[in-house]
C-alpha atoms as a PDB file:
ATOM      1  CA  UNK A   1      -0.268   0.092  -0.165  1.00  0.00           C
ATOM      2  CA  UNK A   2       1.474   3.276  -0.793  1.00  0.00           C
ATOM      3  CA  UNK A   3       2.300   6.028   1.611  1.00  0.00           C
ATOM      4  CA  UNK A   4      -0.148   8.994   2.106  1.00  0.00           C
ATOM      5  CA  UNK A   5       2.110  11.246   1.378  1.00  0.00           C
ATOM      6  CA  UNK A   6       2.873   9.597  -2.267  1.00  0.00           C
ATOM      7  CA  UNK A   7       1.658  11.557  -5.027  1.00  0.00           C
ATOM      8  CA  UNK A   8      -1.297   9.687  -6.717  1.00  0.00           C
ATOM      9  CA  UNK A   9      -0.790   8.395 -10.339  1.00  0.00           C
ATOM     10  CA  UNK A  10      -2.502   8.010 -13.288  1.00  0.00           C
ATOM     11  CA  UNK A  11      -2.433   4.177 -12.475  1.00  0.00           C
ATOM     12  CA  UNK A  12      -4.219   4.497  -9.099  1.00  0.00           C
ATOM     13  CA  UNK A  13      -7.109   6.539 -10.672  1.00  0.00           C
ATOM     14  CA  UNK A  14      -7.033   3.573 -12.808  1.00  0.00           C
ATOM     15  CA  UNK A  15      -7.355   0.981 -10.418  1.00  0.00           C
ATOM     16  CA  UNK A  16     -10.083   3.269  -8.360  1.00  0.00           C
ATOM     17  CA  UNK A  17     -12.057   3.546 -11.317  1.00  0.00           C
ATOM     18  CA  UNK A  18     -12.047  -0.213 -12.405  1.00  0.00           C
ATOM     19  CA  UNK A  19     -10.642   1.229 -16.067  1.00  0.00           C
ATOM     20  CA  UNK A  20      -7.603   1.008 -18.031  1.00  0.00           C
ATOM     21  CA  UNK A  21      -4.829   4.367 -17.758  1.00  0.00           C
ATOM     22  CA  UNK A  22      -6.148   4.703 -21.493  1.00  0.00           C
ATOM     23  CA  UNK A  23      -9.247   5.219 -20.433  1.00  0.00           C
ATOM     24  CA  UNK A  24      -8.132   7.827 -17.533  1.00  0.00           C
ATOM     25  CA  UNK A  25      -5.583   9.706 -20.008  1.00  0.00           C
ATOM     26  CA  UNK A  26      -8.704  10.170 -22.388  1.00  0.00           C
ATOM     27  CA  UNK A  27     -11.185  11.263 -19.751  1.00  0.00           C
ATOM     28  CA  UNK A  28      -8.984  13.783 -17.973  1.00  0.00           C
ATOM     29  CA  UNK A  29      -7.390  14.956 -21.210  1.00  0.00           C
ATOM     30  CA  UNK A  30     -11.522  15.718 -22.220  1.00  0.00           C
ATOM     31  CA  UNK A  31     -11.214  13.153 -25.229  1.00  0.00           C
ATOM     32  CA  UNK A  32     -13.589  10.598 -24.326  1.00  0.00           C
ATOM     33  CA  UNK A  33     -16.686  11.520 -25.883  1.00  0.00           C
ATOM     34  CA  UNK A  34     -17.315   8.459 -28.513  1.00  0.00           C
ATOM     35  CA  UNK A  35     -14.393   6.229 -26.903  1.00  0.00           C
ATOM     36  CA  UNK A  36     -16.016   5.613 -23.125  1.00  0.00           C
ATOM     37  CA  UNK A  37     -19.182   6.105 -21.938  1.00  0.00           C
ATOM     38  CA  UNK A  38     -20.450   9.006 -19.537  1.00  0.00           C
ATOM     39  CA  UNK A  39     -20.846   6.609 -16.773  1.00  0.00           C
ATOM     40  CA  UNK A  40     -17.436   5.471 -17.355  1.00  0.00           C
ATOM     41  CA  UNK A  41     -16.062   9.027 -17.681  1.00  0.00           C
ATOM     42  CA  UNK A  42     -17.846  10.075 -14.064  1.00  0.00           C
ATOM     43  CA  UNK A  43     -16.351   7.049 -12.505  1.00  0.00           C
ATOM     44  CA  UNK A  44     -12.958   8.024 -13.540  1.00  0.00           C
ATOM     45  CA  UNK A  45     -13.323  11.886 -12.944  1.00  0.00           C
ATOM     46  CA  UNK A  46     -15.132  10.742  -8.928  1.00  0.00           C
ATOM     47  CA  UNK A  47     -11.835   8.503  -8.282  1.00  0.00           C
ATOM     48  CA  UNK A  48      -9.400  11.231  -9.205  1.00  0.00           C
ATOM     49  CA  UNK A  49     -11.362  13.520  -7.069  1.00  0.00           C
ATOM     50  CA  UNK A  50     -11.524  11.061  -4.218  1.00  0.00           C
ATOM     51  CA  UNK A  51      -7.674  10.664  -4.487  1.00  0.00           C
ATOM     52  CA  UNK A  52      -6.824  14.032  -4.976  1.00  0.00           C
ATOM     53  CA  UNK A  53      -4.947  13.159  -8.480  1.00  0.00           C
ATOM     54  CA  UNK A  54      -3.423  16.043 -10.406  1.00  0.00           C
ATOM     55  CA  UNK A  55      -2.184  15.593 -13.910  1.00  0.00           C
ATOM     56  CA  UNK A  56       1.924  16.092 -14.309  1.00  0.00           C
ATOM     57  CA  UNK A  57       1.459  18.989 -16.476  1.00  0.00           C
ATOM     58  CA  UNK A  58       5.269  19.861 -16.969  1.00  0.00           C
ATOM     59  CA  UNK A  59       5.868  15.996 -17.948  1.00  0.00           C
ATOM     60  CA  UNK A  60       2.547  16.400 -20.460  1.00  0.00           C
ATOM     61  CA  UNK A  61       3.819  19.687 -21.905  1.00  0.00           C
ATOM     62  CA  UNK A  62       7.174  18.128 -22.576  1.00  0.00           C
ATOM     63  CA  UNK A  63       5.780  15.375 -24.322  1.00  0.00           C
ATOM     64  CA  UNK A  64       3.616  17.829 -26.389  1.00  0.00           C
ATOM     65  CA  UNK A  65       6.324  20.064 -26.807  1.00  0.00           C
ATOM     66  CA  UNK A  66       4.781  23.177 -25.360  1.00  0.00           C
ATOM     67  CA  UNK A  67       5.395  24.425 -22.048  1.00  0.00           C
ATOM     68  CA  UNK A  68       1.646  26.465 -21.618  1.00  0.00           C
ATOM     69  CA  UNK A  69       3.969  29.861 -20.609  1.00  0.00           C
ATOM     70  CA  UNK A  70       3.565  33.344 -21.950  1.00  0.00           C
ATOM     71  CA  UNK A  71       6.217  36.112 -21.397  1.00  0.00           C
ATOM     72  CA  UNK A  72       5.128  39.082 -20.417  1.00  0.00           C
ATOM     73  CA  UNK A  73       7.193  42.182 -21.813  1.00  0.00           C
ATOM     74  CA  UNK A  74       6.884  45.809 -19.526  1.00  0.00           C
ATOM     75  CA  UNK A  75       8.721  48.703 -19.235  1.00  0.00           C
ATOM     76  CA  UNK A  76       8.621  47.863 -15.382  1.00  0.00           C
ATOM     77  CA  UNK A  77       6.698  46.996 -12.416  1.00  0.00           C
ATOM     78  CA  UNK A  78       6.491  49.816  -9.917  1.00  0.00           C
ATOM     79  CA  UNK A  79       3.633  51.509 -11.902  1.00  0.00           C
ATOM     80  CA  UNK A  80       0.564  50.977 -11.127  1.00  0.00           C
ATOM     81  CA  UNK A  81      -0.700  50.926 -14.656  1.00  0.00           C
ATOM     82  CA  UNK A  82       1.607  47.775 -15.609  1.00  0.00           C
ATOM     83  CA  UNK A  83       0.341  45.726 -12.697  1.00  0.00           C
ATOM     84  CA  UNK A  84      -3.186  45.825 -13.632  1.00  0.00           C
ATOM     85  CA  UNK A  85      -1.711  44.994 -17.593  1.00  0.00           C
ATOM     86  CA  UNK A  86      -0.328  42.150 -15.488  1.00  0.00           C
ATOM     87  CA  UNK A  87      -3.641  41.204 -13.269  1.00  0.00           C
ATOM     88  CA  UNK A  88      -5.994  41.056 -16.711  1.00  0.00           C
ATOM     89  CA  UNK A  89      -3.458  38.866 -18.793  1.00  0.00           C
ATOM     90  CA  UNK A  90      -2.409  36.189 -15.937  1.00  0.00           C
ATOM     91  CA  UNK A  91      -6.410  35.729 -15.150  1.00  0.00           C
ATOM     92  CA  UNK A  92      -7.018  35.229 -18.663  1.00  0.00           C
ATOM     93  CA  UNK A  93      -4.230  32.715 -19.188  1.00  0.00           C
ATOM     94  CA  UNK A  94      -4.904  31.056 -16.018  1.00  0.00           C
ATOM     95  CA  UNK A  95      -8.618  30.288 -17.678  1.00  0.00           C
ATOM     96  CA  UNK A  96      -6.842  28.355 -20.297  1.00  0.00           C
ATOM     97  CA  UNK A  97      -4.346  26.797 -18.532  1.00  0.00           C
ATOM     98  CA  UNK A  98      -1.133  29.045 -19.189  1.00  0.00           C
ATOM     99  CA  UNK A  99       1.090  30.567 -16.947  1.00  0.00           C
ATOM    100  CA  UNK A 100       2.557  33.982 -17.146  1.00  0.00           C
ATOM    101  CA  UNK A 101       5.967  34.961 -16.607  1.00  0.00           C
ATOM    102  CA  UNK A 102       7.245  38.791 -16.392  1.00  0.00           C
ATOM    103  CA  UNK A 103       9.684  40.530 -17.738  1.00  0.00           C
ATOM    104  CA  UNK A 104      10.480  44.042 -16.915  1.00  0.00           C
ATOM    105  CA  UNK A 105      13.564  46.036 -18.179  1.00  0.00           C
ATOM    106  CA  UNK A 106      15.436  47.251 -14.723  1.00  0.00           C
ATOM    107  CA  UNK A 107      15.717  50.693 -16.190  1.00  0.00           C
ATOM    108  CA  UNK A 108      12.252  51.253 -17.343  1.00  0.00           C
ATOM    109  CA  UNK A 109      12.929  50.826 -21.297  1.00  0.00           C
ATOM    110  CA  UNK A 110      16.017  49.170 -22.923  1.00  0.00           C
ATOM    111  CA  UNK A 111      17.530  45.810 -22.555  1.00  0.00           C
ATOM    112  CA  UNK A 112      17.837  43.634 -19.586  1.00  0.00           C
ATOM    113  CA  UNK A 113      19.695  40.353 -19.089  1.00  0.00           C
ATOM    114  CA  UNK A 114      17.910  37.515 -20.830  1.00  0.00           C
ATOM    115  CA  UNK A 115      16.512  35.000 -18.012  1.00  0.00           C
ATOM    116  CA  UNK A 116      16.431  32.427 -20.557  1.00  0.00           C
ATOM    117  CA  UNK A 117      18.719  30.048 -22.403  1.00  0.00           C
ATOM    118  CA  UNK A 118      16.602  29.991 -25.094  1.00  0.00           C
ATOM    119  CA  UNK A 119      13.352  31.915 -25.129  1.00  0.00           C
ATOM    120  CA  UNK A 120      11.823  30.440 -28.239  1.00  0.00           C
ATOM    121  CA  UNK A 121      12.580  26.564 -26.263  1.00  0.00           C
ATOM    122  CA  UNK A 122      11.168  28.188 -22.734  1.00  0.00           C
ATOM    123  CA  UNK A 123       8.145  29.948 -23.991  1.00  0.00           C
ATOM    124  CA  UNK A 124       5.009  29.335 -26.307  1.00  0.00           C
ATOM    125  CA  UNK A 125       4.151  32.921 -26.728  1.00  0.00           C
ATOM    126  CA  UNK A 126       5.133  36.761 -26.132  1.00  0.00           C
ATOM    127  CA  UNK A 127       2.712  39.446 -25.048  1.00  0.00           C
ATOM    128  CA  UNK A 128       4.929  43.203 -25.415  1.00  0.00           C
ATOM    129  CA  UNK A 129       4.726  46.921 -24.492  1.00  0.00           C
ATOM    130  CA  UNK A 130       6.333  48.791 -27.440  1.00  0.00           C
ATOM    131  CA  UNK A 131       8.082  50.869 -24.627  1.00  0.00           C
ATOM    132  CA  UNK A 132      10.481  47.520 -23.944  1.00  0.00           C
ATOM    133  CA  UNK A 133      10.867  46.619 -27.606  1.00  0.00           C
ATOM    134  CA  UNK A 134      14.595  47.084 -26.738  1.00  0.00           C
ATOM    135  CA  UNK A 135      13.919  44.061 -24.210  1.00  0.00           C
ATOM    136  CA  UNK A 136      11.815  42.188 -26.350  1.00  0.00           C
ATOM    137  CA  UNK A 137      14.358  41.909 -29.295  1.00  0.00           C
ATOM    138  CA  UNK A 138      17.206  40.735 -26.625  1.00  0.00           C
ATOM    139  CA  UNK A 139      15.751  37.700 -25.656  1.00  0.00           C
ATOM    140  CA  UNK A 140      14.324  36.669 -29.312  1.00  0.00           C
ATOM    141  CA  UNK A 141      11.035  37.088 -28.060  1.00  0.00           C
ATOM    142  CA  UNK A 142      10.280  38.630 -31.738  1.00  0.00           C
ATOM    143  CA  UNK A 143      10.925  34.811 -33.000  1.00  0.00           C
ATOM    144  CA  UNK A 144       8.033  33.562 -31.167  1.00  0.00           C
ATOM    145  CA  UNK A 145       4.005  34.270 -31.579  1.00  0.00           C
ATOM    146  CA  UNK A 146       3.931  37.839 -30.399  1.00  0.00           C
ATOM    147  CA  UNK A 147       1.518  40.317 -29.751  1.00  0.00           C
ATOM    148  CA  UNK A 148       2.180  43.770 -29.267  1.00  0.00           C
ATOM    149  CA  UNK A 149       0.666  46.295 -26.877  1.00  0.00           C
ATOM    150  CA  UNK A 150       0.498  50.145 -27.603  1.00  0.00           C
ATOM    151  CA  UNK A 151       2.145  49.800 -30.443  1.00  0.00           C
ATOM    152  CA  UNK A 152       2.312  51.536 -34.277  1.00  0.00           C
ATOM    153  CA  UNK A 153       0.098  49.044 -36.256  1.00  0.00           C
ATOM    154  CA  UNK A 154       1.789  49.665 -39.426  1.00  0.00           C
ATOM    155  CA  UNK A 155       5.158  48.582 -38.245  1.00  0.00           C
ATOM    156  CA  UNK A 156       4.689  46.220 -35.359  1.00  0.00           C
ATOM    157  CA  UNK A 157       6.994  43.308 -34.942  1.00  0.00           C
ATOM    158  CA  UNK A 158       4.235  41.164 -33.673  1.00  0.00           C
ATOM    159  CA  UNK A 159       1.250  39.094 -35.477  1.00  0.00           C
ATOM    160  CA  UNK A 160      -1.404  41.478 -33.920  1.00  0.00           C
ATOM    161  CA  UNK A 161      -1.113  44.782 -32.118  1.00  0.00           C
ATOM    162  CA  UNK A 162      -3.680  45.627 -29.252  1.00  0.00           C
ATOM    163  CA  UNK A 163      -4.180  49.379 -28.569  1.00  0.00           C
ATOM    164  CA  UNK A 164      -5.897  51.659 -26.180  1.00  0.00           C
ATOM    165  CA  UNK A 165      -7.476  54.669 -28.356  1.00  0.00           C
ATOM    166  CA  UNK A 166      -4.782  57.126 -27.011  1.00  0.00           C
ATOM    167  CA  UNK A 167      -5.758  59.351 -29.628  1.00  0.00           C
ATOM    168  CA  UNK A 168      -9.085  60.105 -28.678  1.00  0.00           C
ATOM    169  CA  UNK A 169      -7.816  60.598 -25.167  1.00  0.00           C
ATOM    170  CA  UNK A 170      -5.622  63.330 -26.138  1.00  0.00           C
ATOM    171  CA  UNK A 171      -8.641  64.691 -28.390  1.00  0.00           C
ATOM    172  CA  UNK A 172     -11.031  64.308 -25.030  1.00  0.00           C
ATOM    173  CA  UNK A 173      -8.388  66.274 -23.028  1.00  0.00           C
ATOM    174  CA  UNK A 174      -7.745  69.259 -25.696  1.00  0.00           C
ATOM    175  CA  UNK A 175     -11.716  69.722 -26.160  1.00  0.00           C
ATOM    176  CA  UNK A 176     -12.597  69.846 -22.730  1.00  0.00           C
ATOM    177  CA  UNK A 177      -9.833  72.576 -22.144  1.00  0.00           C
ATOM    178  CA  UNK A 178     -10.419  74.403 -25.147  1.00  0.00           C
ATOM    179  CA  UNK A 179     -14.518  74.316 -24.060  1.00  0.00           C
ATOM    180  CA  UNK A 180     -13.338  75.941 -20.552  1.00  0.00           C
ATOM    181  CA  UNK A 181     -11.712  78.608 -22.343  1.00  0.00           C
ATOM    182  CA  UNK A 182      -7.575  77.985 -22.353  1.00  0.00           C
ATOM    183  CA  UNK A 183      -5.915  79.072 -25.251  1.00  0.00           C
ATOM    184  CA  UNK A 184      -2.044  78.669 -24.059  1.00  0.00           C
ATOM    185  CA  UNK A 185      -0.971  75.174 -23.049  1.00  0.00           C
ATOM    186  CA  UNK A 186       2.386  73.442 -21.666  1.00  0.00           C
ATOM    187  CA  UNK A 187       2.260  70.152 -22.767  1.00  0.00           C
ATOM    188  CA  UNK A 188       4.711  68.211 -19.888  1.00  0.00           C
ATOM    189  CA  UNK A 189       5.626  64.977 -22.420  1.00  0.00           C
ATOM    190  CA  UNK A 190       7.204  61.766 -21.388  1.00  0.00           C
ATOM    191  CA  UNK A 191      10.824  62.030 -22.921  1.00  0.00           C
ATOM    192  CA  UNK A 192      10.353  57.764 -24.174  1.00  0.00           C
ATOM    193  CA  UNK A 193      10.512  56.773 -28.083  1.00  0.00           C
ATOM    194  CA  UNK A 194       7.478  55.139 -28.024  1.00  0.00           C
ATOM    195  CA  UNK A 195       4.380  54.870 -30.186  1.00  0.00           C
ATOM    196  CA  UNK A 196       1.920  56.247 -27.486  1.00  0.00           C
ATOM    197  CA  UNK A 197       3.420  58.950 -26.671  1.00  0.00           C
ATOM    198  CA  UNK A 198       4.050  60.154 -30.104  1.00  0.00           C
ATOM    199  CA  UNK A 199       0.568  59.752 -31.117  1.00  0.00           C
ATOM    200  CA  UNK A 200      -0.349  61.895 -27.937  1.00  0.00           C
ATOM    201  CA  UNK A 201       1.708  64.967 -28.910  1.00  0.00           C
ATOM    202  CA  UNK A 202       0.385  64.906 -32.424  1.00  0.00           C
ATOM    203  CA  UNK A 203      -3.223  64.690 -31.335  1.00  0.00           C
ATOM    204  CA  UNK A 204      -2.998  67.391 -28.822  1.00  0.00           C
ATOM    205  CA  UNK A 205      -1.177  69.494 -31.179  1.00  0.00           C
ATOM    206  CA  UNK A 206      -3.567  68.611 -34.190  1.00  0.00           C
ATOM    207  CA  UNK A 207      -6.633  69.323 -32.099  1.00  0.00           C
ATOM    208  CA  UNK A 208      -5.573  72.377 -30.386  1.00  0.00           C
ATOM    209  CA  UNK A 209      -4.555  74.111 -34.172  1.00  0.00           C
ATOM    210  CA  UNK A 210      -8.002  73.960 -34.867  1.00  0.00           C
ATOM    211  CA  UNK A 211      -9.105  76.787 -32.479  1.00  0.00           C
ATOM    212  CA  UNK A 212      -7.372  80.091 -33.554  1.00  0.00           C
ATOM    213  CA  UNK A 213      -5.745  82.111 -31.035  1.00  0.00           C
ATOM    214  CA  UNK A 214      -3.888  78.903 -29.190  1.00  0.00           C
ATOM    215  CA  UNK A 215      -0.149  78.040 -28.340  1.00  0.00           C
ATOM    216  CA  UNK A 216       1.462  75.148 -27.558  1.00  0.00           C
ATOM    217  CA  UNK A 217       4.841  74.702 -25.842  1.00  0.00           C
ATOM    218  CA  UNK A 218       6.303  71.478 -24.994  1.00  0.00           C
ATOM    219  CA  UNK A 219       8.355  70.378 -21.807  1.00  0.00           C
ATOM    220  CA  UNK A 220      10.132  67.088 -22.563  1.00  0.00           C
ATOM    221  CA  UNK A 221      11.093  64.894 -18.916  1.00  0.00           C
ATOM    222  CA  UNK A 222      11.820  61.473 -17.913  1.00  0.00           C
ATOM    223  CA  UNK A 223       8.888  59.643 -16.432  1.00  0.00           C
ATOM    224  CA  UNK A 224       9.321  60.932 -12.801  1.00  0.00           C
ATOM    225  CA  UNK A 225       8.019  63.022 -10.824  1.00  0.00           C
ATOM    226  CA  UNK A 226      11.349  65.245 -10.224  1.00  0.00           C
ATOM    227  CA  UNK A 227      11.695  65.002 -13.703  1.00  0.00           C
ATOM    228  CA  UNK A 228       8.351  66.620 -14.403  1.00  0.00           C
ATOM    229  CA  UNK A 229       8.853  69.481 -11.455  1.00  0.00           C
ATOM    230  CA  UNK A 230      12.175  70.595 -13.192  1.00  0.00           C
ATOM    231  CA  UNK A 231      11.146  70.401 -16.970  1.00  0.00           C
ATOM    232  CA  UNK A 232       8.057  72.515 -15.738  1.00  0.00           C
ATOM    233  CA  UNK A 233       9.846  74.640 -13.639  1.00  0.00           C
ATOM    234  CA  UNK A 234      11.979  75.344 -17.005  1.00  0.00           C
ATOM    235  CA  UNK A 235       9.051  75.794 -18.947  1.00  0.00           C
ATOM    236  CA  UNK A 236       7.452  78.315 -16.745  1.00  0.00           C
ATOM    237  CA  UNK A 237      10.710  80.454 -16.820  1.00  0.00           C
ATOM    238  CA  UNK A 238      10.491  80.675 -20.607  1.00  0.00           C
ATOM    239  CA  UNK A 239       9.666  83.767 -22.310  1.00  0.00           C
ATOM    240  CA  UNK A 240       5.913  84.101 -23.911  1.00  0.00           C
ATOM    241  CA  UNK A 241       2.347  83.661 -22.726  1.00  0.00           C
ATOM    242  CA  UNK A 242       2.192  81.980 -19.306  1.00  0.00           C
ATOM    243  CA  UNK A 243       0.248  78.294 -19.913  1.00  0.00           C
ATOM    244  CA  UNK A 244      -3.371  78.330 -18.246  1.00  0.00           C
ATOM    245  CA  UNK A 245      -3.639  74.624 -19.046  1.00  0.00           C
ATOM    246  CA  UNK A 246      -0.943  71.955 -18.517  1.00  0.00           C
ATOM    247  CA  UNK A 247      -1.235  68.477 -20.150  1.00  0.00           C
ATOM    248  CA  UNK A 248       0.759  65.778 -18.782  1.00  0.00           C
ATOM    249  CA  UNK A 249       1.621  62.380 -20.473  1.00  0.00           C
ATOM    250  CA  UNK A 250       0.618  60.323 -17.169  1.00  0.00           C
ATOM    251  CA  UNK A 251      -0.584  60.753 -13.683  1.00  0.00           C
ATOM    252  CA  UNK A 252       2.842  60.784 -12.014  1.00  0.00           C
ATOM    253  CA  UNK A 253       3.989  63.542 -14.262  1.00  0.00           C
ATOM    254  CA  UNK A 254       1.367  65.577 -13.132  1.00  0.00           C
ATOM    255  CA  UNK A 255       2.157  65.260  -9.467  1.00  0.00           C
ATOM    256  CA  UNK A 256       5.503  66.694 -10.382  1.00  0.00           C
ATOM    257  CA  UNK A 257       3.782  69.668 -11.928  1.00  0.00           C
ATOM    258  CA  UNK A 258       1.686  69.886  -8.848  1.00  0.00           C
ATOM    259  CA  UNK A 259       4.848  70.329  -6.967  1.00  0.00           C
ATOM    260  CA  UNK A 260       6.203  73.142  -9.318  1.00  0.00           C
ATOM    261  CA  UNK A 261       3.216  75.281  -9.293  1.00  0.00           C
ATOM    262  CA  UNK A 262       2.843  75.306  -5.700  1.00  0.00           C
ATOM    263  CA  UNK A 263       6.408  76.552  -5.422  1.00  0.00           C
ATOM    264  CA  UNK A 264       5.568  79.348  -7.621  1.00  0.00           C
ATOM    265  CA  UNK A 265       2.550  80.055  -5.224  1.00  0.00           C
ATOM    266  CA  UNK A 266       0.133  79.174  -8.091  1.00  0.00           C
ATOM    267  CA  UNK A 267      -3.001  78.005  -7.261  1.00  0.00           C
ATOM    268  CA  UNK A 268      -4.728  74.620  -9.172  1.00  0.00           C
ATOM    269  CA  UNK A 269      -7.292  75.179 -11.330  1.00  0.00           C
ATOM    270  CA  UNK A 270      -7.775  78.905 -10.137  1.00  0.00           C
ATOM    271  CA  UNK A 271      -4.567  79.831 -11.982  1.00  0.00           C
ATOM    272  CA  UNK A 272      -3.537  76.765 -13.944  1.00  0.00           C
ATOM    273  CA  UNK A 273      -5.570  73.577 -14.850  1.00  0.00           C
ATOM    274  CA  UNK A 274      -3.399  70.175 -15.018  1.00  0.00           C
ATOM    275  CA  UNK A 275      -4.682  67.171 -16.736  1.00  0.00           C
ATOM    276  CA  UNK A 276      -3.481  63.694 -16.464  1.00  0.00           C
ATOM    277  CA  UNK A 277      -3.583  59.916 -18.126  1.00  0.00           C
ATOM    278  CA  UNK A 278      -3.859  56.807 -16.366  1.00  0.00           C
ATOM    279  CA  UNK A 279      -6.468  57.380 -13.890  1.00  0.00           C
ATOM    280  CA  UNK A 280      -4.296  55.773 -11.371  1.00  0.00           C
ATOM    281  CA  UNK A 281      -5.124  55.556  -7.513  1.00  0.00           C
ATOM    282  CA  UNK A 282      -2.718  58.791  -7.339  1.00  0.00           C
ATOM    283  CA  UNK A 283      -5.031  60.705  -9.530  1.00  0.00           C
ATOM    284  CA  UNK A 284      -7.640  61.099  -6.928  1.00  0.00           C
ATOM    285  CA  UNK A 285      -5.142  61.167  -4.092  1.00  0.00           C
ATOM    286  CA  UNK A 286      -3.602  64.397  -5.134  1.00  0.00           C
ATOM    287  CA  UNK A 287      -5.560  67.658  -3.988  1.00  0.00           C
ATOM    288  CA  UNK A 288      -7.195  69.246  -5.780  1.00  0.00           C
ATOM    289  CA  UNK A 289      -8.329  65.610  -7.389  1.00  0.00           C
ATOM    290  CA  UNK A 290      -6.901  65.123 -10.783  1.00  0.00           C
ATOM    291  CA  UNK A 291      -8.879  65.622 -14.301  1.00  0.00           C
ATOM    292  CA  UNK A 292      -7.340  62.481 -16.517  1.00  0.00           C
ATOM    293  CA  UNK A 293      -8.050  60.524 -18.946  1.00  0.00           C
ATOM    294  CA  UNK A 294      -9.040  56.620 -17.639  1.00  0.00           C
ATOM    295  CA  UNK A 295      -7.337  53.536 -19.330  1.00  0.00           C
ATOM    296  CA  UNK A 296      -8.647  50.383 -18.399  1.00  0.00           C
ATOM    297  CA  UNK A 297      -5.348  48.657 -17.899  1.00  0.00           C
ATOM    298  CA  UNK A 298      -7.068  45.389 -16.655  1.00  0.00           C
ATOM    299  CA  UNK A 299      -8.831  44.974 -19.352  1.00  0.00           C
ATOM    300  CA  UNK A 300      -5.685  45.790 -22.146  1.00  0.00           C
ATOM    301  CA  UNK A 301      -3.716  43.083 -20.581  1.00  0.00           C
ATOM    302  CA  UNK A 302      -6.964  40.611 -21.031  1.00  0.00           C
ATOM    303  CA  UNK A 303      -7.624  41.747 -24.405  1.00  0.00           C
ATOM    304  CA  UNK A 304      -3.703  41.608 -25.347  1.00  0.00           C
ATOM    305  CA  UNK A 305      -4.218  38.041 -24.050  1.00  0.00           C
ATOM    306  CA  UNK A 306      -7.056  36.851 -25.717  1.00  0.00           C
ATOM    307  CA  UNK A 307      -5.280  38.094 -28.799  1.00  0.00           C
ATOM    308  CA  UNK A 308      -2.322  35.931 -28.313  1.00  0.00           C
ATOM    309  CA  UNK A 309      -4.317  32.819 -27.704  1.00  0.00           C
ATOM    310  CA  UNK A 310      -5.869  33.464 -30.687  1.00  0.00           C
ATOM    311  CA  UNK A 311      -2.670  33.744 -32.566  1.00  0.00           C
ATOM    312  CA  UNK A 312      -1.365  30.481 -30.974  1.00  0.00           C
ATOM    313  CA  UNK A 313      -4.305  29.003 -32.102  1.00  0.00           C
ATOM    314  CA  UNK A 314      -4.340  29.997 -35.677  1.00  0.00           C
ATOM    315  CA  UNK A 315      -7.556  32.316 -35.324  1.00  0.00           C
ATOM    316  CA  UNK A 316      -7.718  35.891 -36.166  1.00  0.00           C
ATOM    317  CA  UNK A 317      -7.304  38.275 -33.148  1.00  0.00           C
ATOM    318  CA  UNK A 318      -9.978  40.654 -32.351  1.00  0.00           C
ATOM    319  CA  UNK A 319      -9.678  44.071 -33.762  1.00  0.00           C
ATOM    320  CA  UNK A 320     -10.458  47.823 -32.797  1.00  0.00           C
ATOM    321  CA  UNK A 321      -9.164  50.014 -29.777  1.00  0.00           C
ATOM    322  CA  UNK A 322      -9.811  50.151 -26.280  1.00  0.00           C
ATOM    323  CA  UNK A 323     -12.050  52.848 -25.281  1.00  0.00           C
ATOM    324  CA  UNK A 324     -10.711  55.650 -23.002  1.00  0.00           C
ATOM    325  CA  UNK A 325     -12.736  58.131 -20.443  1.00  0.00           C
ATOM    326  CA  UNK A 326     -12.021  61.375 -19.542  1.00  0.00           C
ATOM    327  CA  UNK A 327     -12.664  61.598 -15.847  1.00  0.00           C
ATOM    328  CA  UNK A 328     -13.290  65.285 -14.865  1.00  0.00           C
ATOM    329  CA  UNK A 329     -12.089  66.415 -11.455  1.00  0.00           C
ATOM    330  CA  UNK A 330     -11.029  69.146  -9.671  1.00  0.00           C
ATOM    331  CA  UNK A 331      -7.862  70.346 -11.169  1.00  0.00           C
ATOM    332  CA  UNK A 332      -9.571  71.808 -14.449  1.00  0.00           C
ATOM    333  CA  UNK A 333     -11.618  74.902 -14.601  1.00  0.00           C
ATOM    334  CA  UNK A 334     -11.891  78.442 -16.517  1.00  0.00           C
ATOM    335  CA  UNK A 335      -8.823  80.248 -16.787  1.00  0.00           C
ATOM    336  CA  UNK A 336      -8.897  83.672 -14.853  1.00  0.00           C
ATOM    337  CA  UNK A 337     -10.405  86.528 -16.902  1.00  0.00           C
END
């Protein structure tokens, strides 16, 4: 008799159910229909439950030539947004029997050490942010089934791309501020070579240009609060009409803008309106609460994983961008007369 600590095997299930091991494999692999009866299948399932049997997925995957492992390549893990992307992607992957391995770049962008002896041998597919494209190339992830997030569909490395409608988000911000009466704008722009930030800058400028009398200055900054603070102070010292509205590429940059304005004794929104992008928890923690574009990070990750699963199964992924929503809070108001 086997010791209680011994892991039950398919042979144990077969003996308990009074069937062959082949029948157990068919039932637990969900390939029994037309080969064994419903009664027999239920007897096998019940025996597996009673014994606490779990298939050895590692051995099974080795036989099939698949690891059922997906790599998620992101620029960093310290942002709430990419944590949400992971949550959505991993939840859907788990529902389909896949695991997700995270691969962040330690510097936010650029390359990181290859964690695999051979990524193509260790993984079934890759889901990657365009902000981490260099890291993707370094591990040869572009040799695997690949879906890109926030990437230019016309020049993507991947079989498919999944994007938030960030262009519409920029237009919503511009329209909101123009309708309030703002005409002089500062764009605190992420100094990151990424399609998503290029789109934000282009669409913001195009929308503002449709209204006569507008001015737009750009202050490039690293993706840090301190960087945004410094960039904003430098921009406020520049000649020309002072901005009455500051548009930030994400909520973290907006926090730096808040600090810069308060150092100048400028009130938000009485003297200057401020907007962000993401709608992370920080947006509601700022005082006043931040007007921002809400990006559904978990849905973004889920849609990316859904597209990758379709690619792995030889299907055409769902098309269409994910809608975004402007959330108006206390950081925006009409400019002073």
